[in-house]
Amino acid sequence: MFDKLEDLLVRFEEVLNELGEPGVTDNQERFQKLMKEQSELQPIVDAYKEYKDNKDMIIGVGSVVNGKMAKDSILAGAKYVVSPGYNEEINDVCHEMGVTYFPGCMTVTEIMHALEKGNKMVKVFPGEIFAVLTTCLLFNSGAPFT
């Protein structure tokens, strides 16, 4: 994956150099093609440069709904996986590959099940809708979850 990103970085520099050449605007079709390519590469290059500047950044993946998505994401470099609900297949993949799994849980039963399956933390989901309920649930549940 990083080889491809490095190749994109090199190509981006080539495009910038071509855009800086005298007379580049003489051929409008070529100029438009280069400008389009530059605008498509810019956000990818910016994100990759930011990543390279922050090596201690931990990158994960969210909204994972099955084991294949989890495995593909981990192989691409994800250091943690978040899902909207607990999924046994995702749990197994993450534990087998040594990656932290944050299953989405809403009830005490779901939280307990996720913890019993070896997870140290969960994502309370959907937190936006149940923010008050979640706060009361965790506050009133006390010691078992603190």
N, C-alpha and C. Protein backbone atom coordinates (compact mmCIF):
# COMPACT_ATOMS: atom_id res chain seq x y z
N MET A 1 0.82 -1.19 0.00
CA MET A 1 0.00 0.00 0.00
C MET A 1 0.86 1.26 0.00
N PHE A 2 1.91 1.27 0.82
CA PHE A 2 2.74 2.46 0.91
C PHE A 2 3.55 2.69 -0.36
N ASP A 3 3.88 1.59 -1.08
CA ASP A 3 4.57 1.74 -2.37
C ASP A 3 3.69 2.50 -3.36
N LYS A 4 2.40 2.17 -3.36
CA LYS A 4 1.46 2.85 -4.25
C LYS A 4 1.34 4.32 -3.88
N LEU A 5 1.32 4.59 -2.59
CA LEU A 5 1.23 5.99 -2.15
C LEU A 5 2.49 6.76 -2.53
N GLU A 6 3.64 6.11 -2.40
CA GLU A 6 4.90 6.76 -2.83
C GLU A 6 4.88 7.04 -4.33
N ASP A 7 4.34 6.09 -5.11
CA ASP A 7 4.23 6.29 -6.56
C ASP A 7 3.33 7.47 -6.87
N LEU A 8 2.23 7.61 -6.13
CA LEU A 8 1.33 8.75 -6.33
C LEU A 8 2.02 10.06 -5.97
N LEU A 9 2.84 10.02 -4.94
CA LEU A 9 3.59 11.21 -4.54
C LEU A 9 4.55 11.64 -5.65
N VAL A 10 5.24 10.66 -6.24
CA VAL A 10 6.16 10.94 -7.35
C VAL A 10 5.39 11.50 -8.54
N ARG A 11 4.25 10.87 -8.86
CA ARG A 11 3.46 11.34 -9.99
C ARG A 11 2.94 12.76 -9.74
N PHE A 12 2.55 13.06 -8.52
CA PHE A 12 2.07 14.39 -8.17
C PHE A 12 3.16 15.43 -8.44
N GLU A 13 4.39 15.11 -8.03
CA GLU A 13 5.51 16.03 -8.27
C GLU A 13 5.76 16.21 -9.76
N GLU A 14 5.63 15.12 -10.53
CA GLU A 14 5.79 15.22 -11.99
C GLU A 14 4.74 16.14 -12.60
N VAL A 15 3.50 15.99 -12.14
CA VAL A 15 2.41 16.84 -12.64
C VAL A 15 2.68 18.30 -12.31
N LEU A 16 3.11 18.57 -11.08
CA LEU A 16 3.42 19.95 -10.71
C LEU A 16 4.54 20.52 -11.58
N ASN A 17 5.56 19.71 -11.84
CA ASN A 17 6.65 20.16 -12.71
C ASN A 17 6.17 20.45 -14.12
N GLU A 18 5.30 19.56 -14.64
CA GLU A 18 4.75 19.79 -15.98
C GLU A 18 3.90 21.04 -16.01
N LEU A 19 3.14 21.29 -14.96
CA LEU A 19 2.32 22.50 -14.91
C LEU A 19 3.17 23.76 -14.81
N GLY A 20 4.39 23.62 -14.32
CA GLY A 20 5.29 24.76 -14.21
C GLY A 20 6.10 25.04 -15.46
N GLU A 21 5.99 24.18 -16.45
CA GLU A 21 6.74 24.37 -17.69
C GLU A 21 6.21 25.57 -18.47
N PRO A 22 7.11 26.32 -19.11
CA PRO A 22 6.65 27.43 -19.94
C PRO A 22 5.79 26.92 -21.10
N GLY A 23 4.76 27.60 -21.40
CA GLY A 23 3.91 27.24 -22.52
C GLY A 23 2.94 26.11 -22.25
N VAL A 24 2.81 25.69 -21.00
CA VAL A 24 1.91 24.58 -20.69
C VAL A 24 0.47 24.91 -21.07
N THR A 25 0.10 26.18 -21.02
CA THR A 25 -1.28 26.57 -21.35
C THR A 25 -1.51 26.68 -22.85
N ASP A 26 -0.45 26.54 -23.64
CA ASP A 26 -0.61 26.60 -25.10
C ASP A 26 -1.46 25.43 -25.61
N ASN A 27 -1.35 24.29 -24.95
CA ASN A 27 -2.16 23.12 -25.31
C ASN A 27 -3.23 22.97 -24.23
N GLN A 28 -4.40 23.53 -24.47
CA GLN A 28 -5.47 23.56 -23.47
C GLN A 28 -5.91 22.16 -23.02
N GLU A 29 -5.94 21.21 -23.95
CA GLU A 29 -6.35 19.85 -23.59
C GLU A 29 -5.35 19.23 -22.61
N ARG A 30 -4.07 19.38 -22.86
CA ARG A 30 -3.04 18.85 -21.96
C ARG A 30 -3.09 19.57 -20.61
N PHE A 31 -3.25 20.89 -20.66
CA PHE A 31 -3.32 21.68 -19.43
C PHE A 31 -4.50 21.24 -18.56
N GLN A 32 -5.67 21.06 -19.18
CA GLN A 32 -6.85 20.64 -18.43
C GLN A 32 -6.65 19.24 -17.84
N LYS A 33 -6.03 18.35 -18.61
CA LYS A 33 -5.77 16.99 -18.12
C LYS A 33 -4.84 17.03 -16.90
N LEU A 34 -3.79 17.84 -16.98
CA LEU A 34 -2.84 17.96 -15.86
C LEU A 34 -3.51 18.58 -14.64
N MET A 35 -4.33 19.61 -14.84
CA MET A 35 -5.03 20.26 -13.73
C MET A 35 -6.01 19.29 -13.06
N LYS A 36 -6.70 18.48 -13.85
CA LYS A 36 -7.62 17.49 -13.31
C LYS A 36 -6.86 16.45 -12.49
N GLU A 37 -5.76 15.97 -13.03
CA GLU A 37 -4.96 14.98 -12.32
C GLU A 37 -4.40 15.56 -11.02
N GLN A 38 -3.93 16.80 -11.09
CA GLN A 38 -3.40 17.46 -9.89
C GLN A 38 -4.47 17.60 -8.82
N SER A 39 -5.68 17.98 -9.22
CA SER A 39 -6.76 18.16 -8.24
C SER A 39 -7.22 16.83 -7.65
N GLU A 40 -7.13 15.75 -8.42
CA GLU A 40 -7.49 14.43 -7.90
C GLU A 40 -6.44 13.88 -6.95
N LEU A 41 -5.17 14.15 -7.24
CA LEU A 41 -4.08 13.65 -6.41
C LEU A 41 -3.87 14.46 -5.13
N GLN A 42 -4.21 15.74 -5.17
CA GLN A 42 -3.91 16.65 -4.05
C GLN A 42 -4.39 16.14 -2.69
N PRO A 43 -5.67 15.74 -2.53
CA PRO A 43 -6.11 15.30 -1.19
C PRO A 43 -5.40 14.02 -0.73
N ILE A 44 -5.11 13.12 -1.67
CA ILE A 44 -4.42 11.87 -1.31
C ILE A 44 -3.00 12.19 -0.86
N VAL A 45 -2.32 13.04 -1.60
CA VAL A 45 -0.94 13.42 -1.27
C VAL A 45 -0.91 14.16 0.06
N ASP A 46 -1.85 15.07 0.28
CA ASP A 46 -1.89 15.81 1.55
C ASP A 46 -2.07 14.86 2.73
N ALA A 47 -2.99 13.92 2.61
CA ALA A 47 -3.24 12.97 3.70
C ALA A 47 -2.01 12.08 3.93
N TYR A 48 -1.37 11.63 2.85
CA TYR A 48 -0.20 10.77 2.99
C TYR A 48 0.97 11.54 3.62
N LYS A 49 1.16 12.78 3.22
CA LYS A 49 2.23 13.59 3.83
C LYS A 49 1.96 13.82 5.31
N GLU A 50 0.71 14.05 5.67
CA GLU A 50 0.36 14.22 7.08
C GLU A 50 0.66 12.94 7.85
N TYR A 51 0.32 11.81 7.26
CA TYR A 51 0.61 10.53 7.90
C TYR A 51 2.11 10.35 8.10
N LYS A 52 2.89 10.66 7.07
CA LYS A 52 4.34 10.51 7.17
C LYS A 52 4.93 11.43 8.23
N ASP A 53 4.32 12.59 8.42
CA ASP A 53 4.80 13.54 9.42
C ASP A 53 4.40 13.16 10.84
N ASN A 54 3.45 12.23 10.96
CA ASN A 54 2.94 11.82 12.27
C ASN A 54 3.02 10.30 12.41
N LYS A 55 4.22 9.78 12.43
CA LYS A 55 4.43 8.33 12.45
C LYS A 55 3.79 7.65 13.66
N ASP A 56 3.62 8.39 14.78
CA ASP A 56 3.04 7.76 15.95
C ASP A 56 1.51 7.79 15.93
N MET A 57 0.94 8.25 14.82
CA MET A 57 -0.50 8.27 14.67
C MET A 57 -0.99 6.81 14.55
N ILE A 58 -2.09 6.53 15.20
CA ILE A 58 -2.67 5.19 15.13
C ILE A 58 -3.89 5.27 14.22
N ILE A 59 -3.88 4.47 13.18
CA ILE A 59 -4.95 4.50 12.20
C ILE A 59 -5.81 3.25 12.35
N GLY A 60 -7.11 3.47 12.40
CA GLY A 60 -8.05 2.36 12.50
C GLY A 60 -9.13 2.49 11.46
N VAL A 61 -10.13 1.64 11.58
CA VAL A 61 -11.22 1.64 10.61
C VAL A 61 -12.54 1.50 11.36
N GLY A 62 -13.57 2.16 10.85
CA GLY A 62 -14.88 2.10 11.47
C GLY A 62 -15.94 1.59 10.51
N SER A 63 -17.13 1.37 11.03
CA SER A 63 -18.28 0.90 10.26
C SER A 63 -18.03 -0.45 9.60
N VAL A 64 -17.23 -1.29 10.24
CA VAL A 64 -16.93 -2.61 9.72
C VAL A 64 -18.10 -3.54 10.05
N VAL A 65 -18.58 -4.28 9.06
CA VAL A 65 -19.77 -5.11 9.28
C VAL A 65 -19.55 -6.61 9.09
N ASN A 66 -18.34 -7.01 8.68
CA ASN A 66 -18.08 -8.45 8.55
C ASN A 66 -16.59 -8.74 8.67
N GLY A 67 -16.27 -10.01 8.78
CA GLY A 67 -14.89 -10.43 8.96
C GLY A 67 -13.98 -10.08 7.80
N LYS A 68 -14.49 -10.17 6.57
CA LYS A 68 -13.67 -9.84 5.41
C LYS A 68 -13.24 -8.38 5.43
N MET A 69 -14.19 -7.49 5.74
CA MET A 69 -13.85 -6.07 5.84
C MET A 69 -12.79 -5.85 6.91
N ALA A 70 -12.94 -6.54 8.04
CA ALA A 70 -11.97 -6.40 9.13
C ALA A 70 -10.59 -6.87 8.67
N LYS A 71 -10.54 -8.06 8.08
CA LYS A 71 -9.25 -8.62 7.63
C LYS A 71 -8.59 -7.74 6.58
N ASP A 72 -9.36 -7.30 5.58
CA ASP A 72 -8.80 -6.43 4.54
C ASP A 72 -8.26 -5.13 5.13
N SER A 73 -8.98 -4.56 6.09
CA SER A 73 -8.55 -3.31 6.72
C SER A 73 -7.29 -3.50 7.54
N ILE A 74 -7.21 -4.61 8.25
CA ILE A 74 -6.03 -4.91 9.07
C ILE A 74 -4.82 -5.12 8.16
N LEU A 75 -5.01 -5.85 7.07
CA LEU A 75 -3.91 -6.07 6.13
C LEU A 75 -3.45 -4.76 5.48
N ALA A 76 -4.37 -3.79 5.38
CA ALA A 76 -4.02 -2.49 4.82
C ALA A 76 -3.39 -1.56 5.85
N GLY A 77 -3.33 -2.01 7.13
CA GLY A 77 -2.64 -1.21 8.14
C GLY A 77 -3.46 -0.75 9.32
N ALA A 78 -4.75 -1.07 9.37
CA ALA A 78 -5.58 -0.64 10.50
C ALA A 78 -5.07 -1.26 11.79
N LYS A 79 -4.96 -0.46 12.84
CA LYS A 79 -4.49 -0.93 14.14
C LYS A 79 -5.64 -1.19 15.11
N TYR A 80 -6.86 -0.80 14.73
CA TYR A 80 -8.04 -1.11 15.51
C TYR A 80 -9.25 -1.14 14.58
N VAL A 81 -10.30 -1.82 15.01
CA VAL A 81 -11.50 -1.99 14.21
C VAL A 81 -12.71 -1.61 15.06
N VAL A 82 -13.62 -0.82 14.49
CA VAL A 82 -14.85 -0.43 15.16
C VAL A 82 -16.03 -0.90 14.30
N SER A 83 -17.03 -1.48 14.95
CA SER A 83 -18.23 -1.91 14.23
C SER A 83 -19.47 -1.32 14.90
N PRO A 84 -20.57 -1.21 14.15
CA PRO A 84 -21.78 -0.64 14.74
C PRO A 84 -22.47 -1.56 15.73
N GLY A 85 -22.13 -2.84 15.70
CA GLY A 85 -22.69 -3.82 16.63
C GLY A 85 -21.68 -4.93 16.84
N TYR A 86 -21.90 -5.76 17.85
CA TYR A 86 -20.99 -6.87 18.09
C TYR A 86 -21.17 -7.91 16.98
N ASN A 87 -20.04 -8.40 16.44
CA ASN A 87 -20.07 -9.42 15.39
C ASN A 87 -19.01 -10.46 15.72
N GLU A 88 -19.44 -11.70 15.86
CA GLU A 88 -18.53 -12.79 16.25
C GLU A 88 -17.40 -12.98 15.25
N GLU A 89 -17.71 -12.88 13.95
CA GLU A 89 -16.70 -13.06 12.92
C GLU A 89 -15.63 -11.97 13.00
N ILE A 90 -16.07 -10.73 13.16
CA ILE A 90 -15.12 -9.62 13.30
C ILE A 90 -14.29 -9.82 14.56
N ASN A 91 -14.93 -10.20 15.65
CA ASN A 91 -14.23 -10.44 16.91
C ASN A 91 -13.13 -11.48 16.72
N ASP A 92 -13.46 -12.60 16.06
CA ASP A 92 -12.48 -13.67 15.83
C ASP A 92 -11.30 -13.20 14.97
N VAL A 93 -11.61 -12.50 13.88
CA VAL A 93 -10.55 -12.00 12.99
C VAL A 93 -9.62 -11.07 13.75
N CYS A 94 -10.18 -10.13 14.49
CA CYS A 94 -9.36 -9.15 15.22
C CYS A 94 -8.48 -9.83 16.26
N HIS A 95 -9.05 -10.76 17.00
CA HIS A 95 -8.27 -11.44 18.03
C HIS A 95 -7.19 -12.32 17.43
N GLU A 96 -7.50 -13.02 16.31
CA GLU A 96 -6.51 -13.85 15.63
C GLU A 96 -5.36 -13.02 15.07
N MET A 97 -5.67 -11.78 14.62
CA MET A 97 -4.65 -10.94 13.99
C MET A 97 -4.02 -9.95 14.98
N GLY A 98 -4.43 -10.02 16.26
CA GLY A 98 -3.83 -9.18 17.28
C GLY A 98 -4.18 -7.71 17.19
N VAL A 99 -5.40 -7.41 16.73
CA VAL A 99 -5.85 -6.03 16.57
C VAL A 99 -7.02 -5.77 17.52
N THR A 100 -7.04 -4.60 18.13
CA THR A 100 -8.10 -4.24 19.07
C THR A 100 -9.43 -4.08 18.33
N TYR A 101 -10.46 -4.62 18.93
CA TYR A 101 -11.82 -4.55 18.37
C TYR A 101 -12.71 -3.78 19.33
N PHE A 102 -13.40 -2.75 18.80
CA PHE A 102 -14.36 -1.96 19.56
C PHE A 102 -15.76 -2.22 19.00
N PRO A 103 -16.46 -3.22 19.53
CA PRO A 103 -17.81 -3.47 19.01
C PRO A 103 -18.79 -2.43 19.53
N GLY A 104 -19.75 -2.09 18.69
CA GLY A 104 -20.80 -1.17 19.11
C GLY A 104 -21.78 -1.90 20.01
N CYS A 105 -22.05 -1.34 21.17
CA CYS A 105 -22.97 -1.95 22.13
C CYS A 105 -23.89 -0.87 22.69
N MET A 106 -25.13 -1.27 23.00
CA MET A 106 -26.06 -0.31 23.56
C MET A 106 -26.57 -0.72 24.93
N THR A 107 -26.64 -2.00 25.19
CA THR A 107 -27.21 -2.46 26.46
C THR A 107 -26.12 -3.06 27.35
N VAL A 108 -26.42 -3.18 28.62
CA VAL A 108 -25.49 -3.80 29.55
C VAL A 108 -25.21 -5.24 29.11
N THR A 109 -26.23 -5.95 28.64
CA THR A 109 -26.05 -7.33 28.17
C THR A 109 -25.06 -7.39 27.01
N GLU A 110 -25.19 -6.47 26.05
CA GLU A 110 -24.26 -6.44 24.92
C GLU A 110 -22.84 -6.13 25.39
N ILE A 111 -22.73 -5.20 26.32
CA ILE A 111 -21.41 -4.84 26.85
C ILE A 111 -20.78 -6.04 27.53
N MET A 112 -21.56 -6.73 28.37
CA MET A 112 -21.03 -7.89 29.08
C MET A 112 -20.62 -8.99 28.11
N HIS A 113 -21.42 -9.21 27.05
CA HIS A 113 -21.09 -10.24 26.06
C HIS A 113 -19.77 -9.89 25.37
N ALA A 114 -19.61 -8.62 24.97
CA ALA A 114 -18.38 -8.19 24.30
C ALA A 114 -17.16 -8.36 25.22
N LEU A 115 -17.33 -8.03 26.49
CA LEU A 115 -16.22 -8.18 27.45
C LEU A 115 -15.90 -9.66 27.67
N GLU A 116 -16.92 -10.50 27.76
CA GLU A 116 -16.71 -11.94 27.92
C GLU A 116 -15.95 -12.54 26.74
N LYS A 117 -16.09 -11.96 25.57
CA LYS A 117 -15.41 -12.45 24.36
C LYS A 117 -14.01 -11.89 24.21
N GLY A 118 -13.50 -11.23 25.26
CA GLY A 118 -12.11 -10.80 25.26
C GLY A 118 -11.84 -9.36 24.89
N ASN A 119 -12.87 -8.57 24.71
CA ASN A 119 -12.68 -7.16 24.37
C ASN A 119 -12.55 -6.35 25.65
N LYS A 120 -11.63 -5.40 25.65
CA LYS A 120 -11.38 -4.59 26.83
C LYS A 120 -12.24 -3.32 26.87
N MET A 121 -12.71 -2.89 25.69
CA MET A 121 -13.54 -1.69 25.58
C MET A 121 -14.60 -1.91 24.52
N VAL A 122 -15.64 -1.09 24.57
CA VAL A 122 -16.68 -1.12 23.56
C VAL A 122 -16.98 0.32 23.14
N LYS A 123 -17.66 0.43 22.02
CA LYS A 123 -18.17 1.73 21.59
C LYS A 123 -19.65 1.73 21.90
N VAL A 124 -20.10 2.67 22.71
CA VAL A 124 -21.52 2.76 23.01
C VAL A 124 -22.18 3.35 21.77
N PHE A 125 -23.05 2.56 21.15
CA PHE A 125 -23.60 2.93 19.85
C PHE A 125 -25.09 2.63 19.82
N PRO A 126 -25.92 3.47 19.31
CA PRO A 126 -25.61 4.79 18.76
C PRO A 126 -25.59 5.84 19.86
N GLY A 127 -24.44 6.36 20.13
CA GLY A 127 -24.23 7.30 21.22
C GLY A 127 -24.98 8.61 21.07
N GLU A 128 -25.15 9.07 19.82
CA GLU A 128 -25.82 10.36 19.60
C GLU A 128 -27.28 10.29 20.09
N ILE A 129 -27.92 9.20 19.80
CA ILE A 129 -29.34 9.05 20.14
C ILE A 129 -29.52 8.75 21.62
N PHE A 130 -28.61 7.95 22.17
CA PHE A 130 -28.77 7.49 23.53
C PHE A 130 -27.75 8.10 24.50
N ALA A 131 -27.32 9.30 24.23
CA ALA A 131 -26.27 9.93 25.04
C ALA A 131 -26.69 10.03 26.51
N VAL A 132 -27.88 10.49 26.77
CA VAL A 132 -28.34 10.62 28.16
C VAL A 132 -28.52 9.24 28.78
N LEU A 133 -29.16 8.34 28.06
CA LEU A 133 -29.36 6.97 28.54
C LEU A 133 -28.01 6.31 28.82
N THR A 134 -27.07 6.48 27.93
CA THR A 134 -25.75 5.89 28.07
C THR A 134 -25.05 6.41 29.32
N THR A 135 -25.09 7.71 29.51
CA THR A 135 -24.47 8.32 30.69
C THR A 135 -25.09 7.75 31.96
N CYS A 136 -26.41 7.68 32.00
CA CYS A 136 -27.09 7.14 33.17
C CYS A 136 -26.76 5.66 33.35
N LEU A 137 -26.76 4.91 32.25
CA LEU A 137 -26.47 3.48 32.30
C LEU A 137 -25.09 3.22 32.90
N LEU A 138 -24.08 3.90 32.38
CA LEU A 138 -22.72 3.68 32.87
C LEU A 138 -22.54 4.22 34.28
N PHE A 139 -23.15 5.36 34.57
CA PHE A 139 -23.03 5.96 35.90
C PHE A 139 -23.69 5.06 36.94
N ASN A 140 -24.88 4.58 36.62
CA ASN A 140 -25.64 3.77 37.57
C ASN A 140 -25.16 2.33 37.64
N SER A 141 -24.46 1.86 36.62
CA SER A 141 -23.95 0.48 36.65
C SER A 141 -22.74 0.38 37.55
N GLY A 142 -22.06 1.49 37.74
CA GLY A 142 -20.97 1.56 38.70
C GLY A 142 -19.78 0.69 38.40
N ALA A 143 -19.26 0.06 39.43
CA ALA A 143 -17.99 -0.65 39.43
C ALA A 143 -17.78 -1.65 38.31
N PRO A 144 -18.78 -2.43 37.89
CA PRO A 144 -18.47 -3.45 36.89
C PRO A 144 -17.86 -2.88 35.60
N PHE A 145 -18.16 -1.61 35.28
CA PHE A 145 -17.71 -1.06 34.01
C PHE A 145 -16.74 0.08 34.17
N THR A 146 -16.18 0.27 35.35
CA THR A 146 -15.23 1.35 35.55
C THR A 146 -13.87 0.80 35.89
